[in-house]
Amino acid sequence: MDELFILWTNADEMAFEKMVCMYSKNALLKGWWDKVTVIIWGSTAKLTSESPAVQEQVRLLLEGGVHVSACRSCADQLGVTEILEGLGVEVIYWGQPLTGILKGNQKLLTV
């Protein structure tokens, strides 16, 4: 299975809309990847919890089959875990899985 992970750390809303969202959605629609996971990390957790526009885009990504997950440590520290979970975002500790992705030479795009 061709799987892509997108590590989203840049809390610029335009970067989310014009790169993370656009690419992950089209990657599935056009069959470029079999599975796409967007990982919300750091300040992007706060942006997602506060921006209705980002929240709507996250909902659309989820509806389109993109797996959206967030770093639990970041979300807990920022006090946004419940908001993210309410949007349907998986919230888990990502340190070990990210290390596995890197050591396993899987495909990771960092934005």
N, C-alpha and C. Protein backbone atom coordinates (compact mmCIF):
# COMPACT_ATOMS: atom_id res chain seq x y z
N MET A 1 0.85 -1.18 0.00
CA MET A 1 0.00 0.00 0.00
C MET A 1 0.89 1.25 0.00
N ASP A 2 0.59 2.18 -0.88
CA ASP A 2 1.28 3.47 -0.91
C ASP A 2 0.64 4.38 0.12
N GLU A 3 1.43 4.72 1.14
CA GLU A 3 0.91 5.54 2.23
C GLU A 3 1.78 6.77 2.42
N LEU A 4 1.13 7.91 2.59
CA LEU A 4 1.82 9.18 2.80
C LEU A 4 1.39 9.76 4.14
N PHE A 5 2.36 10.25 4.89
CA PHE A 5 2.12 10.98 6.13
C PHE A 5 2.51 12.43 5.89
N ILE A 6 1.62 13.35 6.27
CA ILE A 6 1.92 14.78 6.17
C ILE A 6 1.98 15.32 7.59
N LEU A 7 3.18 15.73 8.00
CA LEU A 7 3.38 16.31 9.32
C LEU A 7 3.16 17.81 9.21
N TRP A 8 2.04 18.28 9.75
CA TRP A 8 1.64 19.68 9.61
C TRP A 8 2.03 20.44 10.89
N THR A 9 3.07 21.25 10.80
CA THR A 9 3.56 22.01 11.96
C THR A 9 3.49 23.52 11.76
N ASN A 10 3.22 23.97 10.54
CA ASN A 10 3.20 25.39 10.21
C ASN A 10 1.78 25.92 10.40
N ALA A 11 1.57 26.79 11.39
CA ALA A 11 0.24 27.27 11.71
C ALA A 11 -0.23 28.42 10.82
N ASP A 12 0.34 28.53 9.63
CA ASP A 12 -0.13 29.51 8.66
C ASP A 12 -1.35 28.92 7.95
N GLU A 13 -2.48 29.60 8.06
CA GLU A 13 -3.73 29.08 7.51
C GLU A 13 -3.65 28.88 6.00
N MET A 14 -2.93 29.74 5.32
CA MET A 14 -2.78 29.63 3.88
C MET A 14 -1.99 28.37 3.51
N ALA A 15 -0.95 28.06 4.29
CA ALA A 15 -0.16 26.85 4.04
C ALA A 15 -1.05 25.61 4.22
N PHE A 16 -1.93 25.66 5.20
CA PHE A 16 -2.85 24.54 5.40
C PHE A 16 -3.79 24.40 4.21
N GLU A 17 -4.42 25.51 3.84
CA GLU A 17 -5.41 25.46 2.76
C GLU A 17 -4.79 25.10 1.41
N LYS A 18 -3.69 25.76 1.08
CA LYS A 18 -3.13 25.63 -0.27
C LYS A 18 -2.14 24.49 -0.44
N MET A 19 -1.70 23.88 0.68
CA MET A 19 -0.79 22.74 0.53
C MET A 19 -1.36 21.50 1.20
N VAL A 20 -1.47 21.54 2.52
CA VAL A 20 -1.88 20.35 3.26
C VAL A 20 -3.24 19.85 2.79
N CYS A 21 -4.21 20.73 2.77
CA CYS A 21 -5.57 20.36 2.37
C CYS A 21 -5.64 19.96 0.90
N MET A 22 -5.15 20.85 0.07
CA MET A 22 -5.26 20.62 -1.37
C MET A 22 -4.56 19.33 -1.79
N TYR A 23 -3.35 19.13 -1.29
CA TYR A 23 -2.60 17.95 -1.72
C TYR A 23 -3.18 16.67 -1.13
N SER A 24 -3.49 16.66 0.15
CA SER A 24 -3.98 15.42 0.76
C SER A 24 -5.31 14.98 0.15
N LYS A 25 -6.19 15.93 -0.10
CA LYS A 25 -7.49 15.62 -0.70
C LYS A 25 -7.31 15.07 -2.12
N ASN A 26 -6.54 15.77 -2.93
CA ASN A 26 -6.33 15.34 -4.31
C ASN A 26 -5.52 14.06 -4.42
N ALA A 27 -4.62 13.84 -3.48
CA ALA A 27 -3.80 12.62 -3.49
C ALA A 27 -4.68 11.37 -3.42
N LEU A 28 -5.76 11.46 -2.67
CA LEU A 28 -6.68 10.32 -2.60
C LEU A 28 -7.62 10.29 -3.79
N LEU A 29 -8.19 11.44 -4.11
CA LEU A 29 -9.15 11.51 -5.22
C LEU A 29 -8.55 11.05 -6.55
N LYS A 30 -7.31 11.39 -6.78
CA LYS A 30 -6.67 11.08 -8.05
C LYS A 30 -5.85 9.79 -7.99
N GLY A 31 -5.85 9.13 -6.82
CA GLY A 31 -5.18 7.85 -6.69
C GLY A 31 -3.66 7.91 -6.64
N TRP A 32 -3.11 9.06 -6.27
CA TRP A 32 -1.65 9.18 -6.16
C TRP A 32 -1.13 8.37 -4.99
N TRP A 33 -1.96 8.28 -3.93
CA TRP A 33 -1.63 7.51 -2.72
C TRP A 33 -2.86 6.71 -2.33
N ASP A 34 -2.63 5.54 -1.74
CA ASP A 34 -3.74 4.72 -1.26
C ASP A 34 -4.27 5.22 0.08
N LYS A 35 -3.39 5.76 0.89
CA LYS A 35 -3.77 6.26 2.21
C LYS A 35 -2.96 7.52 2.52
N VAL A 36 -3.65 8.53 3.06
CA VAL A 36 -2.98 9.77 3.46
C VAL A 36 -3.37 10.08 4.90
N THR A 37 -2.36 10.35 5.71
CA THR A 37 -2.58 10.75 7.10
C THR A 37 -1.98 12.13 7.31
N VAL A 38 -2.79 13.05 7.80
CA VAL A 38 -2.33 14.38 8.19
C VAL A 38 -2.14 14.36 9.70
N ILE A 39 -0.94 14.73 10.13
CA ILE A 39 -0.61 14.76 11.56
C ILE A 39 -0.56 16.21 12.02
N ILE A 40 -1.47 16.57 12.90
CA ILE A 40 -1.52 17.91 13.47
C ILE A 40 -0.54 17.95 14.64
N TRP A 41 0.43 18.87 14.58
CA TRP A 41 1.50 18.88 15.58
C TRP A 41 1.79 20.31 16.02
N GLY A 42 1.87 20.53 17.31
CA GLY A 42 2.26 21.84 17.84
C GLY A 42 1.20 22.90 17.65
N SER A 43 1.63 24.06 17.16
CA SER A 43 0.74 25.22 17.06
C SER A 43 -0.43 24.99 16.11
N THR A 44 -0.33 24.01 15.24
CA THR A 44 -1.45 23.73 14.33
C THR A 44 -2.65 23.17 15.10
N ALA A 45 -2.41 22.55 16.24
CA ALA A 45 -3.51 22.07 17.08
C ALA A 45 -4.33 23.25 17.59
N LYS A 46 -3.63 24.29 18.00
CA LYS A 46 -4.31 25.50 18.49
C LYS A 46 -5.07 26.18 17.35
N LEU A 47 -4.42 26.30 16.18
CA LEU A 47 -5.09 26.90 15.02
C LEU A 47 -6.36 26.13 14.68
N THR A 48 -6.26 24.82 14.66
CA THR A 48 -7.43 23.99 14.33
C THR A 48 -8.55 24.19 15.34
N SER A 49 -8.20 24.34 16.60
CA SER A 49 -9.22 24.51 17.63
C SER A 49 -9.90 25.87 17.57
N GLU A 50 -9.24 26.86 16.99
CA GLU A 50 -9.75 28.24 17.01
C GLU A 50 -10.35 28.72 15.69
N SER A 51 -9.98 28.11 14.58
CA SER A 51 -10.40 28.63 13.28
C SER A 51 -11.57 27.82 12.69
N PRO A 52 -12.74 28.44 12.56
CA PRO A 52 -13.87 27.74 11.94
C PRO A 52 -13.56 27.30 10.51
N ALA A 53 -12.77 28.08 9.78
CA ALA A 53 -12.43 27.72 8.40
C ALA A 53 -11.56 26.47 8.37
N VAL A 54 -10.60 26.38 9.27
CA VAL A 54 -9.74 25.19 9.33
C VAL A 54 -10.57 23.99 9.79
N GLN A 55 -11.44 24.20 10.76
CA GLN A 55 -12.29 23.12 11.23
C GLN A 55 -13.15 22.56 10.11
N GLU A 56 -13.69 23.43 9.29
CA GLU A 56 -14.51 22.97 8.16
C GLU A 56 -13.67 22.17 7.17
N GLN A 57 -12.47 22.63 6.89
CA GLN A 57 -11.58 21.90 5.98
C GLN A 57 -11.19 20.54 6.56
N VAL A 58 -10.97 20.47 7.86
CA VAL A 58 -10.66 19.19 8.50
C VAL A 58 -11.84 18.24 8.35
N ARG A 59 -13.05 18.74 8.56
CA ARG A 59 -14.25 17.91 8.37
C ARG A 59 -14.32 17.36 6.94
N LEU A 60 -14.03 18.23 5.97
CA LEU A 60 -14.08 17.80 4.57
C LEU A 60 -12.99 16.77 4.27
N LEU A 61 -11.80 16.95 4.85
CA LEU A 61 -10.74 15.97 4.66
C LEU A 61 -11.17 14.62 5.20
N LEU A 62 -11.73 14.62 6.41
CA LEU A 62 -12.19 13.37 7.01
C LEU A 62 -13.27 12.70 6.17
N GLU A 63 -14.21 13.50 5.69
CA GLU A 63 -15.28 12.96 4.82
C GLU A 63 -14.71 12.39 3.53
N GLY A 64 -13.60 12.98 3.05
CA GLY A 64 -12.97 12.52 1.81
C GLY A 64 -12.04 11.33 2.00
N GLY A 65 -11.92 10.84 3.23
CA GLY A 65 -11.12 9.65 3.47
C GLY A 65 -9.71 9.89 3.98
N VAL A 66 -9.34 11.16 4.18
CA VAL A 66 -8.02 11.46 4.74
C VAL A 66 -8.06 11.16 6.23
N HIS A 67 -7.06 10.45 6.71
CA HIS A 67 -6.95 10.17 8.15
C HIS A 67 -6.29 11.38 8.78
N VAL A 68 -6.95 11.99 9.77
CA VAL A 68 -6.42 13.17 10.45
C VAL A 68 -6.20 12.81 11.91
N SER A 69 -4.97 13.02 12.36
CA SER A 69 -4.59 12.67 13.72
C SER A 69 -3.79 13.83 14.31
N ALA A 70 -3.78 13.90 15.63
CA ALA A 70 -3.06 15.00 16.30
C ALA A 70 -2.21 14.45 17.43
N CYS A 71 -1.14 15.17 17.70
CA CYS A 71 -0.25 14.84 18.81
C CYS A 71 -0.96 15.12 20.13
N ARG A 72 -1.16 14.07 20.93
CA ARG A 72 -1.86 14.23 22.21
C ARG A 72 -1.08 15.13 23.17
N SER A 73 0.22 14.99 23.22
CA SER A 73 1.02 15.81 24.13
C SER A 73 0.81 17.29 23.81
N CYS A 74 0.88 17.64 22.54
CA CYS A 74 0.67 19.03 22.12
C CYS A 74 -0.74 19.49 22.45
N ALA A 75 -1.73 18.68 22.08
CA ALA A 75 -3.13 19.04 22.31
C ALA A 75 -3.42 19.21 23.79
N ASP A 76 -2.89 18.31 24.62
CA ASP A 76 -3.11 18.42 26.06
C ASP A 76 -2.46 19.69 26.61
N GLN A 77 -1.22 19.96 26.21
CA GLN A 77 -0.52 21.15 26.70
C GLN A 77 -1.23 22.44 26.29
N LEU A 78 -1.84 22.42 25.12
CA LEU A 78 -2.54 23.61 24.62
C LEU A 78 -4.00 23.65 25.05
N GLY A 79 -4.46 22.61 25.71
CA GLY A 79 -5.84 22.56 26.20
C GLY A 79 -6.89 22.42 25.11
N VAL A 80 -6.55 21.73 24.02
CA VAL A 80 -7.48 21.65 22.88
C VAL A 80 -7.87 20.21 22.52
N THR A 81 -7.52 19.25 23.37
CA THR A 81 -7.78 17.85 23.06
C THR A 81 -9.26 17.58 22.79
N GLU A 82 -10.12 18.05 23.66
CA GLU A 82 -11.56 17.80 23.50
C GLU A 82 -12.11 18.41 22.22
N ILE A 83 -11.64 19.58 21.87
CA ILE A 83 -12.10 20.23 20.64
C ILE A 83 -11.71 19.40 19.43
N LEU A 84 -10.46 18.96 19.39
CA LEU A 84 -10.00 18.16 18.26
C LEU A 84 -10.77 16.84 18.16
N GLU A 85 -10.94 16.18 19.29
CA GLU A 85 -11.69 14.93 19.28
C GLU A 85 -13.13 15.16 18.84
N GLY A 86 -13.70 16.30 19.23
CA GLY A 86 -15.06 16.65 18.81
C GLY A 86 -15.20 16.84 17.31
N LEU A 87 -14.09 17.18 16.67
CA LEU A 87 -14.09 17.33 15.21
C LEU A 87 -13.93 15.99 14.50
N GLY A 88 -13.64 14.94 15.28
CA GLY A 88 -13.41 13.62 14.68
C GLY A 88 -11.95 13.32 14.44
N VAL A 89 -11.07 14.17 14.96
CA VAL A 89 -9.63 13.97 14.82
C VAL A 89 -9.17 12.95 15.86
N GLU A 90 -8.39 11.99 15.42
CA GLU A 90 -7.77 11.04 16.34
C GLU A 90 -6.68 11.80 17.10
N VAL A 91 -6.62 11.65 18.43
CA VAL A 91 -5.60 12.32 19.23
C VAL A 91 -4.80 11.23 19.96
N ILE A 92 -3.52 11.08 19.57
CA ILE A 92 -2.67 10.04 20.14
C ILE A 92 -1.27 10.60 20.39
N TYR A 93 -0.48 9.87 21.15
CA TYR A 93 0.92 10.24 21.31
C TYR A 93 1.66 9.84 20.05
N TRP A 94 2.26 10.80 19.36
CA TRP A 94 2.86 10.57 18.05
C TRP A 94 4.37 10.37 18.07
N GLY A 95 5.03 10.56 19.20
CA GLY A 95 6.49 10.45 19.23
C GLY A 95 7.01 9.12 18.70
N GLN A 96 6.51 8.04 19.25
CA GLN A 96 6.97 6.72 18.83
C GLN A 96 6.53 6.38 17.40
N PRO A 97 5.26 6.62 17.02
CA PRO A 97 4.88 6.34 15.63
C PRO A 97 5.68 7.16 14.62
N LEU A 98 5.96 8.43 14.93
CA LEU A 98 6.74 9.25 14.02
C LEU A 98 8.16 8.70 13.88
N THR A 99 8.73 8.26 14.98
CA THR A 99 10.05 7.64 14.94
C THR A 99 10.03 6.40 14.05
N GLY A 100 8.97 5.61 14.16
CA GLY A 100 8.83 4.42 13.31
C GLY A 100 8.73 4.78 11.84
N ILE A 101 8.01 5.83 11.53
CA ILE A 101 7.89 6.29 10.14
C ILE A 101 9.27 6.66 9.60
N LEU A 102 10.01 7.42 10.39
CA LEU A 102 11.33 7.87 9.95
C LEU A 102 12.32 6.71 9.82
N LYS A 103 12.35 5.84 10.81
CA LYS A 103 13.27 4.70 10.76
C LYS A 103 12.89 3.69 9.70
N GLY A 104 11.59 3.62 9.40
CA GLY A 104 11.11 2.68 8.40
C GLY A 104 11.17 3.22 6.99
N ASN A 105 11.73 4.41 6.83
CA ASN A 105 11.84 5.03 5.50
C ASN A 105 10.49 5.15 4.80
N GLN A 106 9.43 5.41 5.57
CA GLN A 106 8.13 5.63 4.96
C GLN A 106 8.09 7.05 4.41
N LYS A 107 7.07 7.34 3.65
CA LYS A 107 6.95 8.65 3.01
C LYS A 107 6.38 9.68 3.97
N LEU A 108 7.16 10.72 4.26
CA LEU A 108 6.75 11.78 5.17
C LEU A 108 7.00 13.13 4.53
N LEU A 109 5.97 13.93 4.44
CA LEU A 109 6.05 15.29 3.94
C LEU A 109 5.84 16.21 5.13
N THR A 110 6.74 17.15 5.33
CA THR A 110 6.64 18.06 6.47
C THR A 110 6.33 19.46 5.99
N VAL A 111 5.26 20.02 6.55
CA VAL A 111 4.83 21.36 6.18
C VAL A 111 4.75 22.20 7.43
